[in-house]
N, C-alpha and C. Protein backbone atom coordinates (compact mmCIF):
# COMPACT_ATOMS: atom_id res chain seq x y z
N MET A 1 24.22 -19.54 -33.15
CA MET A 1 23.43 -19.32 -34.21
C MET A 1 23.04 -17.78 -34.50
N SER A 2 22.55 -17.57 -35.94
CA SER A 2 22.44 -16.02 -36.51
C SER A 2 21.11 -16.24 -37.69
N PHE A 3 20.53 -15.19 -37.66
CA PHE A 3 19.29 -14.77 -38.30
C PHE A 3 19.79 -14.11 -39.57
N ASP A 4 19.41 -14.56 -40.74
CA ASP A 4 19.62 -13.77 -42.12
C ASP A 4 18.45 -12.73 -41.94
N PRO A 5 18.71 -11.65 -42.64
CA PRO A 5 17.75 -10.57 -42.52
C PRO A 5 16.50 -11.33 -43.41
N SER A 6 16.27 -12.27 -44.13
CA SER A 6 15.29 -12.63 -44.88
C SER A 6 14.31 -13.58 -43.93
N HIS A 7 15.02 -13.95 -42.73
CA HIS A 7 14.04 -14.82 -41.88
C HIS A 7 13.29 -14.11 -41.27
N PRO A 8 11.95 -14.74 -40.97
CA PRO A 8 11.03 -14.02 -40.44
C PRO A 8 11.39 -13.59 -39.14
N LEU A 9 11.85 -14.27 -38.31
CA LEU A 9 12.04 -13.55 -36.98
C LEU A 9 13.04 -12.23 -36.90
N PHE A 10 13.71 -12.17 -38.04
CA PHE A 10 14.59 -11.17 -37.78
C PHE A 10 13.40 -9.90 -38.31
N ALA A 11 12.53 -9.89 -39.02
CA ALA A 11 11.48 -9.12 -39.49
C ALA A 11 10.65 -8.88 -38.18
N GLN A 12 10.35 -9.95 -37.32
CA GLN A 12 9.63 -9.65 -36.15
C GLN A 12 10.41 -9.04 -35.37
N GLY A 13 11.79 -9.28 -35.39
CA GLY A 13 12.48 -8.28 -34.34
C GLY A 13 12.53 -6.75 -34.57
N VAL A 14 13.18 -6.55 -35.85
CA VAL A 14 12.87 -5.12 -36.34
C VAL A 14 11.59 -4.30 -35.83
N VAL A 15 10.46 -4.84 -36.04
CA VAL A 15 9.26 -4.42 -35.97
C VAL A 15 8.81 -4.29 -34.22
N ALA A 16 9.55 -5.04 -34.04
CA ALA A 16 9.66 -5.19 -31.74
C ALA A 16 9.91 -4.26 -31.33
N ALA A 17 11.37 -3.86 -32.03
CA ALA A 17 12.38 -2.94 -31.60
C ALA A 17 11.63 -1.71 -32.18
N GLU A 18 11.25 -1.32 -33.19
CA GLU A 18 11.10 -0.16 -33.84
C GLU A 18 9.64 0.48 -32.74
N ARG A 19 8.63 -0.70 -32.36
CA ARG A 19 7.87 -0.20 -31.31
C ARG A 19 8.28 -0.01 -29.99
N CYS A 20 9.40 -0.45 -29.36
CA CYS A 20 9.99 -0.35 -28.28
C CYS A 20 10.62 1.51 -28.43
N ALA A 21 11.33 1.67 -29.47
CA ALA A 21 11.81 2.89 -29.54
C ALA A 21 10.37 3.79 -29.65
N ARG A 22 9.25 3.40 -30.01
CA ARG A 22 8.13 4.38 -30.46
C ARG A 22 7.67 4.95 -28.82
N ASP A 23 7.86 3.92 -28.03
CA ASP A 23 7.25 3.74 -26.48
C ASP A 23 8.40 3.98 -25.51
N GLY A 24 9.35 4.57 -26.06
CA GLY A 24 10.36 4.64 -25.53
C GLY A 24 10.91 3.80 -24.15
N MET A 25 10.81 2.61 -24.68
CA MET A 25 11.07 1.58 -23.75
C MET A 25 12.81 1.10 -24.34
N PRO A 26 13.40 0.54 -23.44
CA PRO A 26 14.73 -0.09 -23.69
C PRO A 26 14.95 -0.97 -24.66
N ILE A 27 15.47 -1.32 -25.64
CA ILE A 27 15.67 -2.23 -26.75
C ILE A 27 16.70 -3.55 -26.00
N LEU A 28 15.84 -4.41 -25.10
CA LEU A 28 16.32 -5.48 -24.78
C LEU A 28 15.75 -6.86 -25.14
N ALA A 29 16.49 -7.85 -24.83
CA ALA A 29 15.62 -9.04 -25.47
C ALA A 29 14.05 -9.41 -24.79
N GLU A 30 14.02 -9.17 -23.55
CA GLU A 30 13.03 -9.22 -22.57
C GLU A 30 12.03 -8.24 -23.35
N THR A 31 12.10 -7.12 -23.84
CA THR A 31 10.96 -6.19 -24.08
C THR A 31 11.01 -6.45 -25.58
N LEU A 32 11.82 -6.69 -26.29
CA LEU A 32 11.26 -7.38 -27.55
C LEU A 32 10.16 -8.19 -27.52
N ASN A 33 10.66 -9.07 -26.58
CA ASN A 33 9.42 -10.43 -26.32
C ASN A 33 8.33 -10.02 -25.99
N SER A 34 8.48 -8.79 -24.76
CA SER A 34 6.79 -8.39 -24.54
C SER A 34 6.33 -7.89 -25.77
N MET A 35 6.94 -7.44 -26.46
CA MET A 35 6.29 -6.43 -27.85
C MET A 35 5.67 -7.52 -29.11
N ASP A 36 6.19 -8.56 -28.92
CA ASP A 36 6.10 -10.00 -29.73
C ASP A 36 6.55 -11.28 -28.95
N PRO A 37 5.29 -11.77 -28.34
CA PRO A 37 5.51 -12.91 -27.65
C PRO A 37 5.72 -14.01 -28.38
N ASP A 38 5.59 -13.90 -29.88
CA ASP A 38 6.02 -15.03 -30.85
C ASP A 38 7.56 -14.84 -31.14
N LEU A 39 8.45 -13.83 -30.72
CA LEU A 39 9.94 -13.61 -30.98
C LEU A 39 10.19 -14.31 -29.33
N PRO A 40 10.89 -15.35 -29.38
CA PRO A 40 11.39 -16.18 -28.22
C PRO A 40 13.05 -15.34 -27.95
N ILE A 41 12.76 -15.15 -26.65
CA ILE A 41 13.78 -13.93 -25.94
C ILE A 41 15.55 -14.74 -26.54
N TYR A 42 15.51 -16.06 -26.67
CA TYR A 42 16.81 -15.98 -26.84
C TYR A 42 17.17 -15.96 -28.88
N ALA A 43 16.14 -15.96 -29.39
CA ALA A 43 16.07 -14.93 -30.92
C ALA A 43 16.23 -13.84 -30.33
N ALA A 44 15.52 -12.90 -29.66
CA ALA A 44 15.88 -11.51 -29.83
C ALA A 44 17.21 -11.43 -29.27
N ALA A 45 18.37 -12.18 -28.34
CA ALA A 45 19.18 -12.02 -27.70
C ALA A 45 20.14 -12.19 -28.67
N GLU A 46 19.69 -12.94 -29.72
CA GLU A 46 20.89 -13.21 -30.98
C GLU A 46 20.66 -11.98 -31.74
N LEU A 47 19.54 -11.79 -32.09
CA LEU A 47 19.46 -10.64 -33.13
C LEU A 47 20.23 -9.36 -32.29
N LEU A 48 20.22 -9.21 -31.11
CA LEU A 48 20.58 -7.68 -30.53
C LEU A 48 22.22 -7.74 -31.13
N ASP A 49 23.10 -9.02 -31.02
CA ASP A 49 24.15 -9.10 -30.94
C ASP A 49 24.69 -9.04 -32.35
N ASP A 50 23.60 -9.08 -33.54
CA ASP A 50 23.99 -9.04 -34.84
C ASP A 50 24.33 -7.54 -35.40
N ALA A 51 25.21 -7.32 -36.06
CA ALA A 51 25.44 -6.02 -36.51
C ALA A 51 24.41 -5.71 -37.65
N ARG A 52 23.87 -6.50 -38.41
CA ARG A 52 22.83 -6.49 -39.69
C ARG A 52 21.59 -5.74 -39.07
N PHE A 53 21.55 -6.71 -37.66
CA PHE A 53 20.10 -6.04 -37.15
C PHE A 53 20.23 -4.28 -36.55
N ALA A 54 21.45 -4.29 -36.18
CA ALA A 54 21.75 -2.68 -35.92
C ALA A 54 21.15 -1.98 -36.91
N LYS A 55 22.07 -2.20 -38.25
CA LYS A 55 22.29 -1.40 -39.33
C LYS A 55 20.66 -1.41 -39.63
N ALA A 56 19.82 -2.28 -39.60
CA ALA A 56 18.24 -2.31 -40.01
C ALA A 56 17.61 -1.49 -39.67
N LEU A 57 17.84 -1.36 -37.70
CA LEU A 57 17.47 -0.32 -37.28
C LEU A 57 17.54 0.94 -37.55
N GLU A 58 19.04 1.30 -37.74
CA GLU A 58 19.79 2.45 -38.04
C GLU A 58 18.59 3.20 -39.21
N GLU A 59 18.59 2.07 -40.36
CA GLU A 59 17.87 2.77 -41.48
C GLU A 59 16.61 3.18 -41.23
N LEU A 60 15.92 3.00 -40.08
CA LEU A 60 14.54 2.97 -39.47
C LEU A 60 14.65 4.08 -39.01
N GLY A 61 15.59 4.57 -38.53
CA GLY A 61 16.00 5.48 -37.79
C GLY A 61 15.67 5.59 -36.10
N VAL A 62 16.01 4.19 -35.76
CA VAL A 62 16.22 3.67 -34.29
C VAL A 62 17.54 3.29 -33.98
N ASN A 63 18.33 4.20 -33.18
CA ASN A 63 19.52 4.02 -32.85
C ASN A 63 19.51 3.09 -31.23
N TYR A 64 20.16 1.68 -31.73
CA TYR A 64 20.40 1.09 -30.80
C TYR A 64 21.99 0.70 -30.58
N SER A 65 22.34 0.60 -29.15
CA SER A 65 23.75 0.27 -29.01
C SER A 65 23.69 -1.11 -28.19
N PRO A 66 24.49 -1.85 -27.72
CA PRO A 66 24.19 -2.76 -26.64
C PRO A 66 24.24 -2.11 -25.30
N THR A 67 24.89 -0.84 -25.16
CA THR A 67 25.00 0.04 -24.11
C THR A 67 24.45 1.54 -24.24
N GLN A 68 22.94 1.43 -24.47
CA GLN A 68 22.18 2.46 -24.56
C GLN A 68 22.64 3.31 -23.60
N ARG A 69 22.92 4.70 -23.97
CA ARG A 69 22.92 5.67 -23.28
C ARG A 69 21.48 7.18 -23.26
N VAL A 70 21.82 7.92 -22.52
CA VAL A 70 20.76 9.15 -22.55
C VAL A 70 20.50 9.62 -23.60
N SER A 71 19.35 9.64 -24.67
CA SER A 71 19.82 10.21 -25.99
C SER A 71 19.69 11.89 -25.90
N SER A 72 19.96 12.39 -26.70
CA SER A 72 19.75 13.61 -26.86
C SER A 72 17.82 14.28 -27.00
N GLU A 73 17.34 13.10 -27.54
CA GLU A 73 15.63 13.53 -27.38
C GLU A 73 15.45 13.53 -25.74
N GLN A 74 16.15 12.54 -25.18
CA GLN A 74 15.63 12.22 -23.82
C GLN A 74 15.80 13.78 -23.15
N ILE A 75 17.31 13.71 -23.21
CA ILE A 75 17.71 15.14 -22.47
C ILE A 75 16.84 16.38 -22.65
N ALA A 76 16.55 16.43 -24.19
CA ALA A 76 15.66 17.51 -24.28
C ALA A 76 14.12 17.59 -23.59
N ALA A 77 13.60 16.35 -23.70
CA ALA A 77 12.66 16.19 -22.98
C ALA A 77 12.78 16.54 -21.28
N ALA A 78 13.57 15.99 -20.75
CA ALA A 78 13.65 15.98 -19.61
C ALA A 78 13.93 17.55 -19.43
N ARG A 79 14.56 18.28 -19.64
CA ARG A 79 14.90 19.77 -19.30
C ARG A 79 13.54 20.42 -19.74
N LEU A 80 12.53 20.03 -20.54
CA LEU A 80 11.25 20.48 -20.81
C LEU A 80 10.49 20.42 -19.76
N TYR A 81 10.48 18.76 -19.53
CA TYR A 81 9.72 18.52 -18.29
C TYR A 81 10.10 19.25 -16.61
N LEU A 82 11.01 19.34 -16.61
CA LEU A 82 11.40 19.91 -15.05
C LEU A 82 11.38 21.25 -15.32
N ALA A 83 11.52 22.02 -16.25
CA ALA A 83 11.18 23.49 -16.32
C ALA A 83 9.89 23.83 -16.75
N SER A 84 8.85 22.82 -16.23
CA SER A 84 7.65 23.21 -16.56
C SER A 84 6.60 23.88 -15.31
N GLY A 85 7.27 24.31 -14.37
CA GLY A 85 6.69 24.56 -13.13
C GLY A 85 5.73 23.62 -12.42
N LEU A 86 5.24 24.06 -11.60
CA LEU A 86 4.08 23.52 -10.90
C LEU A 86 3.07 23.35 -11.73
N ARG A 87 3.04 22.37 -12.19
CA ARG A 87 1.90 21.85 -13.32
C ARG A 87 1.78 20.41 -12.99
N SER A 88 0.60 19.68 -13.57
CA SER A 88 0.62 18.17 -13.40
C SER A 88 1.51 17.64 -14.18
N HIS A 89 1.42 16.14 -14.06
CA HIS A 89 2.51 15.39 -14.64
C HIS A 89 2.23 15.16 -16.56
N ALA A 90 0.67 15.50 -16.51
CA ALA A 90 0.30 15.47 -17.75
C ALA A 90 0.53 16.50 -18.65
N SER A 91 0.62 17.67 -17.86
CA SER A 91 0.68 18.87 -18.34
C SER A 91 2.21 18.96 -18.87
N ARG A 92 3.18 18.53 -18.14
CA ARG A 92 4.70 18.67 -18.26
C ARG A 92 4.69 17.80 -19.42
N LEU A 93 4.24 16.18 -19.54
CA LEU A 93 4.20 15.69 -20.75
C LEU A 93 4.49 16.11 -21.84
N ARG A 94 3.14 17.26 -21.96
CA ARG A 94 2.60 18.12 -23.00
C ARG A 94 3.66 18.91 -23.62
N ALA A 95 4.04 19.56 -22.39
CA ALA A 95 4.99 20.78 -22.41
C ALA A 95 6.29 20.20 -23.11
N ALA A 96 6.74 18.97 -22.95
CA ALA A 96 7.81 18.22 -23.43
C ALA A 96 7.75 17.45 -24.73
N GLY A 97 6.28 17.50 -24.98
CA GLY A 97 5.89 16.60 -26.18
C GLY A 97 6.27 15.27 -26.40
N ILE A 98 6.00 14.59 -25.10
CA ILE A 98 6.22 13.35 -25.02
C ILE A 98 5.08 12.54 -24.39
N THR A 99 4.71 11.62 -25.29
CA THR A 99 3.49 10.42 -24.38
C THR A 99 3.37 10.11 -23.54
N ALA A 100 2.65 9.75 -22.36
CA ALA A 100 2.89 9.21 -21.49
C ALA A 100 3.24 7.81 -21.56
N ALA A 101 3.07 6.94 -22.41
CA ALA A 101 3.43 5.68 -22.77
C ALA A 101 5.04 6.00 -23.04
N LYS A 102 5.43 6.41 -23.70
CA LYS A 102 7.11 6.72 -23.96
C LYS A 102 7.78 7.33 -22.61
N TRP A 103 7.36 8.29 -22.17
CA TRP A 103 8.10 8.57 -20.66
C TRP A 103 7.78 7.37 -19.73
N THR A 104 6.73 6.54 -19.67
CA THR A 104 6.72 5.38 -18.93
C THR A 104 7.87 4.45 -18.93
N GLY A 105 8.29 4.31 -20.54
CA GLY A 105 8.87 3.41 -21.13
C GLY A 105 10.51 3.83 -20.74
N TRP A 106 10.77 5.12 -21.08
CA TRP A 106 11.88 5.51 -20.83
C TRP A 106 12.63 5.63 -19.17
N MET A 107 11.49 5.71 -18.29
CA MET A 107 11.58 5.43 -16.87
C MET A 107 11.67 3.64 -16.78
N ARG A 108 11.86 3.02 -17.49
CA ARG A 108 12.27 1.57 -17.56
C ARG A 108 14.23 1.54 -17.74
N GLN A 109 14.33 2.64 -18.24
CA GLN A 109 15.48 2.50 -18.65
C GLN A 109 16.54 3.20 -17.63
N PRO A 110 17.27 2.21 -17.01
CA PRO A 110 18.06 2.82 -15.60
C PRO A 110 19.05 3.89 -16.01
N GLN A 111 19.33 4.44 -17.07
CA GLN A 111 20.36 5.25 -17.40
C GLN A 111 19.35 6.45 -17.34
N PHE A 112 18.42 6.59 -18.16
CA PHE A 112 17.27 7.92 -17.88
C PHE A 112 16.57 8.07 -16.30
N LYS A 113 16.41 6.95 -16.02
CA LYS A 113 16.09 7.00 -14.60
C LYS A 113 16.56 7.74 -13.34
N ALA A 114 17.73 7.25 -13.79
CA ALA A 114 19.01 7.99 -12.86
C ALA A 114 19.42 9.44 -13.27
N TYR A 115 19.17 9.50 -14.41
CA TYR A 115 19.20 11.14 -15.24
C TYR A 115 18.34 12.15 -14.94
N ILE A 116 17.03 11.93 -14.76
CA ILE A 116 15.93 12.52 -14.22
C ILE A 116 16.03 12.97 -12.86
N SER A 117 15.99 11.69 -12.41
CA SER A 117 16.46 11.71 -10.89
C SER A 117 17.15 12.69 -10.05
N GLN A 118 18.35 12.79 -10.72
CA GLN A 118 19.51 13.54 -10.34
C GLN A 118 19.01 14.78 -10.74
N HIS A 119 18.57 15.05 -11.72
CA HIS A 119 18.37 16.68 -12.14
C HIS A 119 17.16 17.21 -11.42
N SER A 120 16.52 16.49 -10.88
CA SER A 120 15.20 16.62 -10.01
C SER A 120 15.57 16.75 -8.96
N MET A 121 16.49 16.07 -8.37
CA MET A 121 17.17 16.66 -6.79
C MET A 121 17.81 18.10 -7.12
N ASP A 122 18.61 17.99 -8.03
CA ASP A 122 19.50 19.30 -8.45
C ASP A 122 18.30 20.69 -8.20
N ALA A 123 17.10 20.16 -8.90
CA ALA A 123 16.25 21.58 -8.98
C ALA A 123 15.79 21.76 -7.64
N LEU A 124 15.52 20.58 -6.80
CA LEU A 124 14.97 20.94 -5.66
C LEU A 124 15.85 21.70 -4.48
N GLU A 125 17.27 21.19 -4.86
CA GLU A 125 18.17 21.99 -3.91
C GLU A 125 18.43 23.61 -4.30
N ASP A 126 18.01 24.02 -5.93
CA ASP A 126 18.21 25.09 -6.45
C ASP A 126 16.84 25.79 -5.45
N ALA A 127 15.78 25.19 -5.21
CA ALA A 127 14.91 26.11 -5.03
C ALA A 127 14.83 26.43 -3.74
N LEU A 128 15.85 25.76 -2.60
CA LEU A 128 15.89 25.93 -1.51
C LEU A 128 16.09 27.14 -1.05
N PRO A 129 16.79 27.79 -1.41
CA PRO A 129 17.19 29.32 -1.05
C PRO A 129 15.83 30.19 -1.08
N GLY A 130 15.26 30.29 -2.32
CA GLY A 130 14.12 30.92 -2.63
C GLY A 130 13.21 30.65 -1.76
N SER A 131 12.64 29.04 -1.25
CA SER A 131 11.79 28.79 -0.99
C SER A 131 11.93 29.22 0.94
N HIS A 132 13.32 29.39 1.38
CA HIS A 132 13.51 29.70 2.81
C HIS A 132 13.38 31.05 2.65
N LEU A 133 13.65 31.91 1.89
CA LEU A 133 13.00 33.65 2.19
C LEU A 133 11.76 33.76 2.04
N ALA A 134 10.84 32.67 0.82
CA ALA A 134 9.46 33.21 0.86
C ALA A 134 8.81 32.72 2.32
N LEU A 135 9.35 31.96 3.01
CA LEU A 135 8.92 31.19 4.29
C LEU A 135 9.12 32.39 5.59
N ALA A 136 10.35 33.00 5.50
CA ALA A 136 10.52 33.81 6.29
C ALA A 136 9.77 34.93 6.35
N ASN A 137 9.48 35.72 5.07
CA ASN A 137 8.74 36.57 4.75
C ASN A 137 7.36 36.84 5.20
N GLU A 138 6.83 35.70 4.87
CA GLU A 138 5.46 34.99 5.27
C GLU A 138 5.27 34.99 6.84
N ALA A 139 6.24 34.54 7.38
CA ALA A 139 6.31 34.43 8.94
C ALA A 139 6.83 35.88 9.34
N MET A 140 7.43 36.71 8.85
CA MET A 140 7.57 38.21 9.22
C MET A 140 6.31 38.90 9.23
N GLU A 141 5.32 38.23 8.30
CA GLU A 141 4.02 39.24 8.54
C GLU A 141 3.20 38.49 9.42
N GLY A 142 3.53 37.80 9.95
CA GLY A 142 2.64 37.14 11.34
C GLY A 142 1.58 36.38 10.97
N LYS A 143 1.94 35.38 9.96
CA LYS A 143 1.00 34.45 9.33
C LYS A 143 1.29 33.26 10.28
N PRO A 144 0.36 32.84 10.98
CA PRO A 144 0.20 31.58 11.83
C PRO A 144 1.08 30.47 11.34
N TRP A 145 0.61 29.88 10.20
CA TRP A 145 0.95 28.71 9.61
C TRP A 145 2.29 28.86 9.06
N ALA A 146 2.89 30.02 8.65
CA ALA A 146 4.39 30.38 8.37
C ALA A 146 5.01 30.26 9.90
N VAL A 147 4.82 31.23 11.06
CA VAL A 147 5.58 31.01 12.12
C VAL A 147 5.65 29.67 12.50
N GLN A 148 4.46 28.58 12.50
CA GLN A 148 4.85 27.51 12.88
C GLN A 148 5.79 26.43 11.86
N LEU A 149 5.44 26.66 10.76
CA LEU A 149 6.36 25.92 10.02
C LEU A 149 7.75 26.64 10.19
N LEU A 150 7.95 27.70 10.17
CA LEU A 150 9.64 28.14 10.59
C LEU A 150 9.80 27.56 11.79
N TYR A 151 9.22 27.63 12.88
CA TYR A 151 9.73 26.89 14.43
C TYR A 151 10.05 25.79 13.68
N GLN A 152 9.26 24.80 12.90
CA GLN A 152 9.58 23.46 12.98
C GLN A 152 10.93 23.24 11.97
N VAL A 153 11.18 23.97 10.95
CA VAL A 153 12.35 23.92 9.73
C VAL A 153 13.62 24.03 10.83
N THR A 154 13.78 25.38 11.74
CA THR A 154 14.56 25.73 12.31
C THR A 154 14.88 24.83 13.65
N GLY A 155 14.32 24.23 13.66
CA GLY A 155 14.35 23.17 14.94
C GLY A 155 13.96 23.82 16.33
N PHE A 156 12.97 24.89 16.49
CA PHE A 156 12.83 25.35 17.74
C PHE A 156 11.39 25.03 18.55
N HIS A 157 10.74 24.27 17.31
CA HIS A 157 9.70 23.27 17.80
C HIS A 157 9.30 22.30 17.16
N ASP A 158 9.42 21.15 18.14
CA ASP A 158 9.25 19.89 17.15
C ASP A 158 7.37 19.31 17.75
N PRO A 159 6.68 19.56 16.90
CA PRO A 159 5.40 19.06 16.95
C PRO A 159 5.15 17.56 17.54
N ASN A 160 6.14 16.65 17.28
CA ASN A 160 6.16 15.34 17.33
C ASN A 160 6.73 14.76 18.84
N LYS A 161 7.36 15.94 19.36
CA LYS A 161 7.84 15.78 20.91
C LYS A 161 7.00 16.11 21.95
N VAL A 162 6.64 15.34 22.84
CA VAL A 162 5.38 15.48 23.69
C VAL A 162 6.18 16.06 25.03
N ASP A 163 5.98 16.95 25.54
CA ASP A 163 6.72 17.42 27.00
C ASP A 163 6.21 16.44 28.01
N ASP A 164 6.94 15.75 29.24
CA ASP A 164 6.30 14.87 30.16
C ASP A 164 5.49 15.91 31.00
N PRO A 165 4.29 15.78 30.88
CA PRO A 165 3.35 16.58 31.85
C PRO A 165 3.63 16.79 33.38
N ARG A 166 4.42 15.62 33.63
CA ARG A 166 4.70 15.60 35.12
C ARG A 166 5.52 17.10 35.64
N LYS A 167 5.93 17.76 35.07
CA LYS A 167 6.76 18.67 35.42
C LYS A 167 5.79 19.85 35.75
N TYR A 168 4.77 19.90 34.66
CA TYR A 168 3.55 21.14 35.05
C TYR A 168 2.92 20.77 36.48
N PHE A 169 2.53 19.58 36.44
CA PHE A 169 2.16 19.41 37.66
C PHE A 169 2.81 19.44 38.99
N GLU A 170 3.80 19.15 39.10
CA GLU A 170 5.09 19.35 40.14
C GLU A 170 4.96 20.59 40.59
N ARG A 171 5.03 21.46 39.19
CA ARG A 171 5.37 22.66 39.67
C ARG A 171 4.05 23.41 39.82
N VAL A 172 2.80 22.98 39.65
CA VAL A 172 1.47 23.62 40.38
C VAL A 172 1.40 23.31 41.28
N PHE A 173 1.54 22.18 42.20
CA PHE A 173 1.52 21.95 43.27
C PHE A 173 2.84 22.40 44.33
N GLU A 174 3.61 22.58 43.90
CA GLU A 174 5.00 23.36 44.58
C GLU A 174 4.41 24.63 44.98
N VAL A 175 3.88 25.13 43.56
CA VAL A 175 3.20 26.79 44.21
C VAL A 175 2.01 26.83 44.95
N LEU A 176 1.35 25.77 45.06
CA LEU A 176 0.00 25.58 45.84
C LEU A 176 0.78 25.30 47.27
N SER A 177 1.22 24.40 47.32
CA SER A 177 2.15 24.10 48.79
C SER A 177 2.92 25.73 49.56
N ASP A 178 3.64 26.27 48.10
CA ASP A 178 4.36 27.58 48.94
C ASP A 178 3.19 28.36 49.53
N GLU A 179 1.71 28.51 48.77
CA GLU A 179 0.73 29.38 48.99
C GLU A 179 0.09 29.14 50.53
N GLY A 180 0.59 27.85 50.97
CA GLY A 180 0.08 27.37 52.25
C GLY A 180 -1.32 26.75 51.81
N VAL A 181 -1.51 26.10 50.70
CA VAL A 181 -2.72 25.33 50.82
C VAL A 181 -2.46 24.27 51.30
N SER A 182 -3.67 23.38 51.92
CA SER A 182 -3.48 22.32 53.08
C SER A 182 -3.45 21.25 52.36
N ALA A 183 -2.65 20.03 52.70
CA ALA A 183 -2.59 18.99 52.39
C ALA A 183 -4.16 18.45 51.48
N GLU A 184 -4.84 18.72 52.74
CA GLU A 184 -6.45 18.12 52.08
C GLU A 184 -6.84 18.53 50.58
N ILE A 185 -6.78 19.92 50.59
CA ILE A 185 -6.80 20.47 49.33
C ILE A 185 -6.32 19.85 48.54
N LEU A 186 -4.63 19.93 48.33
CA LEU A 186 -3.68 19.26 47.39
C LEU A 186 -4.54 17.93 47.11
N ARG A 187 -5.07 16.87 48.19
CA ARG A 187 -5.39 15.80 47.77
C ARG A 187 -6.62 15.65 46.80
N LYS A 188 -7.58 16.50 47.11
CA LYS A 188 -8.83 16.72 46.49
C LYS A 188 -8.35 17.06 45.09
N VAL A 189 -7.44 18.17 44.79
CA VAL A 189 -7.21 18.50 43.44
C VAL A 189 -6.56 17.21 42.78
N ALA A 190 -5.88 16.58 43.43
CA ALA A 190 -5.03 15.47 42.95
C ALA A 190 -6.05 14.60 42.28
N HIS A 191 -7.44 14.05 43.28
CA HIS A 191 -8.20 13.37 42.89
C HIS A 191 -9.19 14.03 41.84
N ALA A 192 -9.57 15.08 41.68
CA ALA A 192 -10.26 15.38 40.98
C ALA A 192 -9.45 15.40 39.51
N ILE A 193 -8.66 15.83 39.17
CA ILE A 193 -7.56 15.47 38.01
C ILE A 193 -7.57 13.93 37.68
N ARG A 194 -7.22 13.46 38.83
CA ARG A 194 -7.29 11.70 38.43
C ARG A 194 -8.69 11.03 37.80
N GLU A 195 -9.94 11.83 38.19
CA GLU A 195 -10.89 11.31 37.85
C GLU A 195 -11.21 11.75 35.96
N LEU A 196 -10.17 12.50 35.57
CA LEU A 196 -10.28 12.74 34.35
C LEU A 196 -9.41 11.70 33.13
N ASP A 197 -9.42 10.71 34.28
CA ASP A 197 -8.43 9.56 33.51
C ASP A 197 -7.47 10.30 32.62
N ASP A 198 -6.54 11.07 33.28
CA ASP A 198 -5.54 11.98 32.78
C ASP A 198 -4.25 11.01 32.42
N PRO A 199 -3.41 10.90 31.74
CA PRO A 199 -2.47 10.13 31.59
C PRO A 199 -0.99 10.46 32.85
N VAL A 200 -1.38 11.49 33.37
CA VAL A 200 -0.65 11.59 34.63
C VAL A 200 -0.95 11.14 35.63
N ALA A 201 -2.13 10.25 35.80
CA ALA A 201 -2.92 9.84 37.10
C ALA A 201 -2.06 9.04 37.78
N GLY A 202 -0.82 8.77 37.22
CA GLY A 202 0.03 7.72 38.14
C GLY A 202 0.99 8.69 39.14
N VAL A 203 0.83 10.13 38.46
CA VAL A 203 1.69 10.98 39.25
C VAL A 203 0.82 11.38 40.51
N LEU A 204 -0.32 11.80 40.33
CA LEU A 204 -1.26 12.17 41.29
C LEU A 204 -1.93 10.94 42.24
N ALA A 205 -1.85 9.91 42.07
CA ALA A 205 -2.23 8.55 42.69
C ALA A 205 -1.19 8.54 44.11
N ARG A 206 -0.53 9.14 44.05
CA ARG A 206 0.49 9.07 45.50
C ARG A 206 0.23 10.47 46.18
N PRO A 207 0.37 10.21 47.48
CA PRO A 207 0.37 11.33 48.40
C PRO A 207 0.41 12.66 47.74
N ALA A 208 -0.30 13.49 48.29
CA ALA A 208 0.06 14.96 47.43
C ALA A 208 1.54 15.71 47.91
N SER A 209 1.83 15.20 49.16
CA SER A 209 2.89 15.54 49.78
C SER A 209 4.19 15.24 49.09
N MET A 210 4.28 13.81 48.62
CA MET A 210 5.37 13.17 47.85
C MET A 210 5.25 13.55 46.49
N ILE A 211 4.96 14.35 45.92
CA ILE A 211 4.53 14.43 44.40
C ILE A 211 5.75 14.81 44.01
N VAL A 212 6.04 16.28 44.64
CA VAL A 212 7.33 17.20 44.51
C VAL A 212 8.28 16.38 44.68
N ALA A 213 8.29 15.93 45.70
CA ALA A 213 9.69 15.45 46.19
C ALA A 213 10.23 13.97 45.57
N GLU A 214 9.33 13.42 44.89
CA GLU A 214 9.93 12.09 44.41
C GLU A 214 8.85 11.61 43.23
N ALA A 215 9.65 11.43 42.15
CA ALA A 215 8.65 11.18 40.89
C ALA A 215 8.33 9.68 41.12
N PRO A 216 6.78 9.10 40.72
CA PRO A 216 6.69 7.67 40.75
C PRO A 216 7.82 7.29 40.09
N PRO A 217 7.94 5.46 40.06
CA PRO A 217 8.82 4.94 39.44
C PRO A 217 8.51 4.78 38.01
N GLN A 218 7.37 4.64 37.74
CA GLN A 218 6.90 4.27 36.48
C GLN A 218 6.89 5.20 35.54
N LEU A 219 6.90 6.51 36.09
CA LEU A 219 7.10 7.88 34.90
C LEU A 219 8.45 8.02 34.98
N GLU A 220 9.19 8.00 35.71
CA GLU A 220 10.83 8.16 35.77
C GLU A 220 11.19 7.09 34.75
N ALA A 221 10.82 6.01 34.57
CA ALA A 221 11.51 5.07 33.42
C ALA A 221 11.07 5.27 31.91
N SER A 222 10.01 6.22 31.69
CA SER A 222 9.41 6.42 30.47
C SER A 222 10.65 7.68 30.01
């Protein structure tokens, strides 16, 4: 079935398509129906396959093809958007001369979404060398936050990695034993630390003389 240009649904489809183009939405049967619920999806699909419908849209300045691609307008706007620096999304849109509604509509188009995503990643990768240099300069000036971040980036320090506290206490008791501290004193130290409800209480709960010689099973398994 096809709709003659004089058919009311033909005119409804043209108006709906023009609104889609204005808002940056892809011209699909579903979007035409969302713009005009009185335009059935089946009718919209028929219109989109009609060369006369495409011609009517072309006369209104709306370029439509069954396989829509990223338009020159979208490419120009994307470049301005990405080149706007560290600004808010609204400021970037103003710089690109695009309304928020139109940008949202464009982002519903798989082709444009893929285009902007790829170029965003490219911009991020291009910024990495300069960012690394800036971080290194800040760290060389002795700024604590920069030093800490540099250690994390380079892998010298992982804040999410928790060292096993057992080795510290084992070393402490080893030194105390070498200095001739009696077993009774070691037991008192172990008891005092245990009272702090420390997570290594399992280590210290054992006789002081055995702490260095053999780690408790429950901590060996962790």
